[in-house]
Amino acid sequence: TSPHPPYVGMETLSQSSGTFDDPFRGDDPDEEEVVNSDLPQLHRMWRNEKYSPEILPFNHHVVQNISEVVEFVAEGLDQERMSSDLDVHDPSYVLRCKELDRVRFVLRDYLRIRLWKLQQYPQYYLDPAHKRLLSPAELEFLTGFWANRRHFYHTRMLDRLPPAKQVLNDKMDLLDMVKAPNLDTFIYARIKEEVGELEVRAESLTQDASQNSRKDSFQKGKTYLLHYSIVRPFLIEPEHAGEDGDYPKVDLV
């Protein structure tokens, strides 16, 4: 089964310059260009979330900022559309509407992917160790979602079983009832900053199984096919986060 929902299998959008540009504006050198640095970061968060088998840390600042910008730009375009002298086929107006739609799609799809993962692994993300990855709204959704599902299981079947058979989080040896994402799935990772030597299982890069693991160096700017677990710390551990909540060392592509 694919680790991602079918509706996120679209090609990655082209890199945005981080602006809501009007390409038909004047060439006045004194005209200041308004750049939103959170827009390229939203694209990175979206791509990483799409290719990661698990939920990555939620960046409240970026999501909140982009949501406010989208609402502000949408209101401005609505006011333009209501003006009597606007030509709705004007290229400047049409392109700004298209750019707004692109940003809306990326933001909504990013949140939709996260909700899909929560519904696939509800008990896993209700564990206190994983709650830090979620936004308050996601945690509220997940709590209600699992409460409803658990109530359904009990009313339909579990209440008719012996008490010892009614648990939904039992674990016996290597068998675990709590469904968890596969952290050993293969991903493409682009190294953006120095990461030092990483421990790699032999089967990750070679068919030689004579040794269980080895240390390997990964060059900055190169893209590698690896187990997700190898680069996972650079995408999820707080010590690898930047000041703005970004995780700049590795990108999933």
Protein backbone atom coordinates (compact mmCIF):
# COMPACT_ATOMS: atom_id res chain seq x y z
CA THR A 1 0.00 0.00 0.00
CA SER A 2 1.28 3.44 -0.89
CA PRO A 3 2.34 5.51 2.15
CA HIS A 4 0.60 8.57 0.74
CA PRO A 5 -3.01 9.35 -0.17
CA PRO A 6 -3.91 9.21 -3.87
CA TYR A 7 -4.81 12.88 -4.04
CA VAL A 8 -1.25 14.09 -3.35
CA GLY A 9 0.40 12.29 -6.24
CA MET A 10 0.64 15.43 -8.36
CA GLU A 11 3.85 16.80 -9.76
CA THR A 12 5.62 19.29 -7.53
CA LEU A 13 4.74 22.87 -8.35
CA SER A 14 7.50 25.00 -9.81
CA GLN A 15 9.62 26.90 -7.34
CA SER A 16 7.97 30.15 -6.31
CA SER A 17 9.93 33.35 -5.98
CA GLY A 18 8.10 34.00 -2.72
CA THR A 19 6.07 36.92 -4.08
CA PHE A 20 2.56 37.72 -5.19
CA ASP A 21 4.01 39.45 -8.23
CA ASP A 22 2.25 41.50 -10.85
CA PRO A 23 4.38 40.74 -13.96
CA PHE A 24 2.82 43.70 -15.81
CA ARG A 25 3.73 46.31 -13.28
CA GLY A 26 5.90 49.22 -14.26
CA ASP A 27 9.69 49.15 -14.42
CA ASP A 28 10.11 51.93 -11.91
CA PRO A 29 13.44 51.16 -10.17
CA ASP A 30 12.19 52.94 -7.04
CA GLU A 31 9.17 50.64 -6.74
CA GLU A 32 9.76 48.30 -3.82
CA GLU A 33 9.09 44.59 -4.36
CA VAL A 34 7.21 42.91 -1.51
CA VAL A 35 8.69 39.48 -0.80
CA ASN A 36 7.21 36.94 1.59
CA SER A 37 10.03 34.66 2.71
CA ASP A 38 7.56 32.18 4.20
CA LEU A 39 6.23 31.14 0.79
CA PRO A 40 9.35 29.17 -0.31
CA GLN A 41 9.40 27.67 3.18
CA LEU A 42 5.79 26.51 2.75
CA HIS A 43 6.79 24.77 -0.50
CA ARG A 44 9.63 22.99 1.32
CA MET A 45 7.34 21.92 4.15
CA TRP A 46 4.80 20.64 1.62
CA ARG A 47 7.34 18.58 -0.34
CA ASN A 48 8.93 17.13 2.79
CA GLU A 49 5.53 16.25 4.25
CA LYS A 50 4.45 14.61 1.00
CA TYR A 51 7.49 12.36 0.72
CA SER A 52 7.95 11.60 4.42
CA PRO A 53 6.29 8.43 5.76
CA GLU A 54 5.49 10.18 9.06
CA ILE A 55 4.20 13.56 10.16
CA LEU A 56 6.90 16.21 10.47
CA PRO A 57 6.91 19.06 13.03
CA PHE A 58 4.21 21.65 12.45
CA ASN A 59 5.46 25.19 11.78
CA HIS A 60 2.70 27.37 13.18
CA HIS A 61 4.39 30.65 12.16
CA VAL A 62 4.59 29.80 8.46
CA VAL A 63 1.06 28.38 8.22
CA GLN A 64 -0.45 31.30 10.13
CA ASN A 65 1.45 33.90 8.11
CA ILE A 66 0.57 32.37 4.72
CA SER A 67 -3.08 31.99 5.76
CA GLU A 68 -3.27 35.68 6.64
CA VAL A 69 -1.54 36.71 3.40
CA VAL A 70 -3.90 34.55 1.32
CA GLU A 71 -6.93 36.10 3.05
CA PHE A 72 -5.56 39.62 2.55
CA VAL A 73 -4.76 39.11 -1.16
CA ALA A 74 -8.13 37.41 -1.78
CA GLU A 75 -9.97 40.38 -0.25
CA GLY A 76 -7.99 42.77 -2.47
CA LEU A 77 -8.82 40.78 -5.62
CA ASP A 78 -12.50 40.66 -4.64
CA GLN A 79 -12.55 44.43 -4.27
CA GLU A 80 -10.95 44.81 -7.68
CA ARG A 81 -13.49 42.45 -9.23
CA MET A 82 -16.39 44.47 -7.79
CA SER A 83 -15.09 47.71 -9.29
CA SER A 84 -16.97 48.76 -12.42
CA ASP A 85 -13.88 49.59 -14.48
CA LEU A 86 -12.12 46.20 -14.10
CA ASP A 87 -11.65 44.00 -17.13
CA VAL A 88 -11.84 40.44 -15.74
CA HIS A 89 -9.71 39.28 -18.68
CA ASP A 90 -6.90 41.69 -17.85
CA PRO A 91 -3.67 39.60 -17.84
CA SER A 92 -2.41 41.20 -14.63
CA TYR A 93 -5.61 40.38 -12.74
CA VAL A 94 -5.85 36.84 -14.17
CA LEU A 95 -2.24 35.97 -13.30
CA ARG A 96 -2.58 37.27 -9.76
CA CYS A 97 -5.69 35.12 -9.31
CA LYS A 98 -3.82 32.08 -10.63
CA GLU A 99 -0.92 32.71 -8.27
CA LEU A 100 -3.34 32.96 -5.36
CA ASP A 101 -4.91 29.64 -6.38
CA ARG A 102 -1.47 27.99 -6.50
CA VAL A 103 -0.63 29.13 -2.97
CA ARG A 104 -4.03 28.01 -1.71
CA PHE A 105 -3.53 24.59 -3.25
CA VAL A 106 -0.12 24.09 -1.61
CA LEU A 107 -1.38 25.20 1.82
CA ARG A 108 -4.52 23.07 1.67
CA ASP A 109 -2.69 20.03 0.34
CA TYR A 110 -0.04 20.32 3.05
CA LEU A 111 -2.74 20.26 5.74
CA ARG A 112 -4.67 17.52 3.93
CA ILE A 113 -1.63 15.22 3.83
CA ARG A 114 -1.14 15.65 7.57
CA LEU A 115 -4.79 14.84 8.28
CA TRP A 116 -4.53 11.73 6.10
CA LYS A 117 -1.55 10.50 8.14
CA LEU A 118 -3.38 11.18 11.39
CA GLN A 119 -6.30 9.06 10.22
CA GLN A 120 -3.96 6.25 9.18
CA TYR A 121 -2.05 6.11 12.49
CA PRO A 122 -4.31 7.64 15.18
CA GLN A 123 -3.05 5.66 18.19
CA TYR A 124 0.57 6.21 17.19
CA TYR A 125 0.22 10.01 17.18
CA LEU A 126 -1.77 10.05 20.41
CA ASP A 127 1.34 8.79 22.16
CA PRO A 128 2.82 11.64 24.25
CA ALA A 129 6.16 11.27 22.46
CA HIS A 130 4.53 12.21 19.13
CA LYS A 131 2.02 14.85 20.20
CA ARG A 132 4.66 17.58 19.94
CA LEU A 133 4.59 17.16 16.14
CA LEU A 134 0.96 18.28 15.91
CA SER A 135 -0.77 21.63 15.99
CA PRO A 136 -3.43 22.20 18.68
CA ALA A 137 -6.16 21.90 16.01
CA GLU A 138 -4.70 18.63 14.71
CA LEU A 139 -4.51 17.20 18.22
CA GLU A 140 -8.13 18.15 18.87
CA PHE A 141 -9.18 16.53 15.58
CA LEU A 142 -7.19 13.38 16.29
CA THR A 143 -8.58 13.00 19.82
CA GLY A 144 -12.15 13.23 18.58
CA PHE A 145 -11.46 10.99 15.57
CA TRP A 146 -10.01 8.18 17.69
CA ALA A 147 -12.72 8.52 20.36
CA ASN A 148 -15.40 8.03 17.69
CA ARG A 149 -13.59 5.11 16.08
CA ARG A 150 -12.99 3.41 19.43
CA HIS A 151 -16.67 3.86 20.36
CA PHE A 152 -17.65 2.29 17.04
CA TYR A 153 -15.39 -0.73 17.62
CA HIS A 154 -16.77 -1.29 21.10
CA THR A 155 -20.44 -0.92 20.24
CA ARG A 156 -20.19 -3.08 17.13
CA MET A 157 -18.03 -5.94 18.39
CA LEU A 158 -15.56 -5.50 21.27
CA ASP A 159 -18.16 -5.23 24.04
CA ARG A 160 -19.28 -8.75 23.17
CA LEU A 161 -15.78 -10.18 23.69
CA PRO A 162 -14.07 -11.10 26.96
CA PRO A 163 -12.44 -8.08 28.66
CA ALA A 164 -8.94 -9.39 27.90
CA LYS A 165 -9.76 -9.27 24.18
CA GLN A 166 -11.17 -5.75 24.14
CA VAL A 167 -7.86 -3.84 24.21
CA LEU A 168 -6.77 -2.00 21.07
CA ASN A 169 -3.12 -1.36 21.94
CA ASP A 170 -1.87 -4.80 22.92
CA LYS A 171 1.71 -5.79 22.09
CA MET A 172 3.18 -9.28 22.04
CA ASP A 173 6.83 -9.77 21.09
CA LEU A 174 7.17 -8.15 17.65
CA LEU A 175 3.42 -7.98 17.07
CA ASP A 176 1.92 -4.59 17.88
CA MET A 177 -1.74 -3.66 17.45
CA VAL A 178 -0.81 0.04 17.15
CA LYS A 179 -0.27 0.77 13.48
CA ALA A 180 2.84 2.89 12.89
CA PRO A 181 4.43 4.48 9.81
CA ASN A 182 7.24 2.57 8.13
CA LEU A 183 10.37 4.56 8.98
CA ASP A 184 12.56 2.27 6.86
CA THR A 185 10.87 3.15 3.58
CA PHE A 186 13.14 4.43 0.82
CA ILE A 187 13.16 8.15 0.00
CA TYR A 188 15.23 10.55 -2.11
CA ALA A 189 17.09 13.02 0.10
CA ARG A 190 19.02 16.10 -1.03
CA ILE A 191 21.79 17.15 1.36
CA LYS A 192 21.70 20.95 1.72
CA GLU A 193 24.18 21.43 4.57
CA GLU A 194 27.02 19.46 6.11
CA VAL A 195 25.64 16.50 8.06
CA GLY A 196 28.87 14.70 8.92
CA GLU A 197 29.21 10.94 8.79
CA LEU A 198 25.99 8.96 9.15
CA GLU A 199 25.48 5.35 10.13
CA VAL A 200 24.14 3.39 7.17
CA ARG A 201 22.99 -0.20 7.14
CA ALA A 202 24.88 -2.19 4.53
CA GLU A 203 21.80 -2.98 2.46
CA SER A 204 21.00 0.71 2.11
CA LEU A 205 23.81 1.38 -0.35
CA THR A 206 25.24 -2.02 -1.25
CA GLN A 207 24.23 -5.65 -1.53
CA ASP A 208 27.19 -6.71 0.61
CA ALA A 209 25.63 -7.91 3.88
CA SER A 210 28.93 -8.93 5.49
CA GLN A 211 28.68 -6.04 7.91
CA ASN A 212 25.61 -4.74 9.69
CA SER A 213 26.38 -1.04 9.35
CA ARG A 214 29.07 1.45 8.46
CA LYS A 215 29.78 5.16 8.55
CA ASP A 216 29.32 7.05 5.30
CA SER A 217 29.87 10.66 4.28
CA PHE A 218 27.25 12.48 2.21
CA GLN A 219 28.22 15.40 0.02
CA LYS A 220 26.44 18.72 0.22
CA GLY A 221 24.25 19.35 -2.85
CA LYS A 222 23.96 15.66 -3.81
CA THR A 223 20.75 13.60 -3.85
CA TYR A 224 20.73 10.05 -2.43
CA LEU A 225 18.31 7.13 -2.34
CA LEU A 226 18.27 6.07 1.32
CA HIS A 227 16.20 4.62 4.09
CA TYR A 228 14.18 7.44 5.64
CA SER A 229 15.45 6.52 9.10
CA ILE A 230 18.99 7.61 8.14
CA VAL A 231 18.06 11.27 7.59
CA ARG A 232 15.06 11.33 9.96
CA PRO A 233 16.87 13.20 12.77
CA PHE A 234 17.55 16.14 10.42
CA LEU A 235 13.82 16.48 9.70
CA ILE A 236 12.28 15.90 13.11
CA GLU A 237 14.71 16.38 16.00
CA PRO A 238 14.61 19.85 17.66
CA GLU A 239 18.41 20.17 17.80
CA HIS A 240 18.53 20.31 13.99
CA ALA A 241 15.88 23.01 13.68
CA GLY A 242 16.74 26.58 12.71
CA GLU A 243 15.70 29.71 14.58
CA ASP A 244 12.54 30.05 12.48
CA GLY A 245 11.46 26.44 13.02
CA ASP A 246 12.88 25.36 9.67
CA TYR A 247 14.87 22.14 9.22
CA PRO A 248 17.47 23.32 6.68
CA LYS A 249 19.94 20.44 6.39
CA VAL A 250 17.98 17.90 4.30
CA ASP A 251 15.18 18.11 1.75
CA LEU A 252 13.06 15.20 0.50
CA VAL A 253 12.61 15.25 -3.27
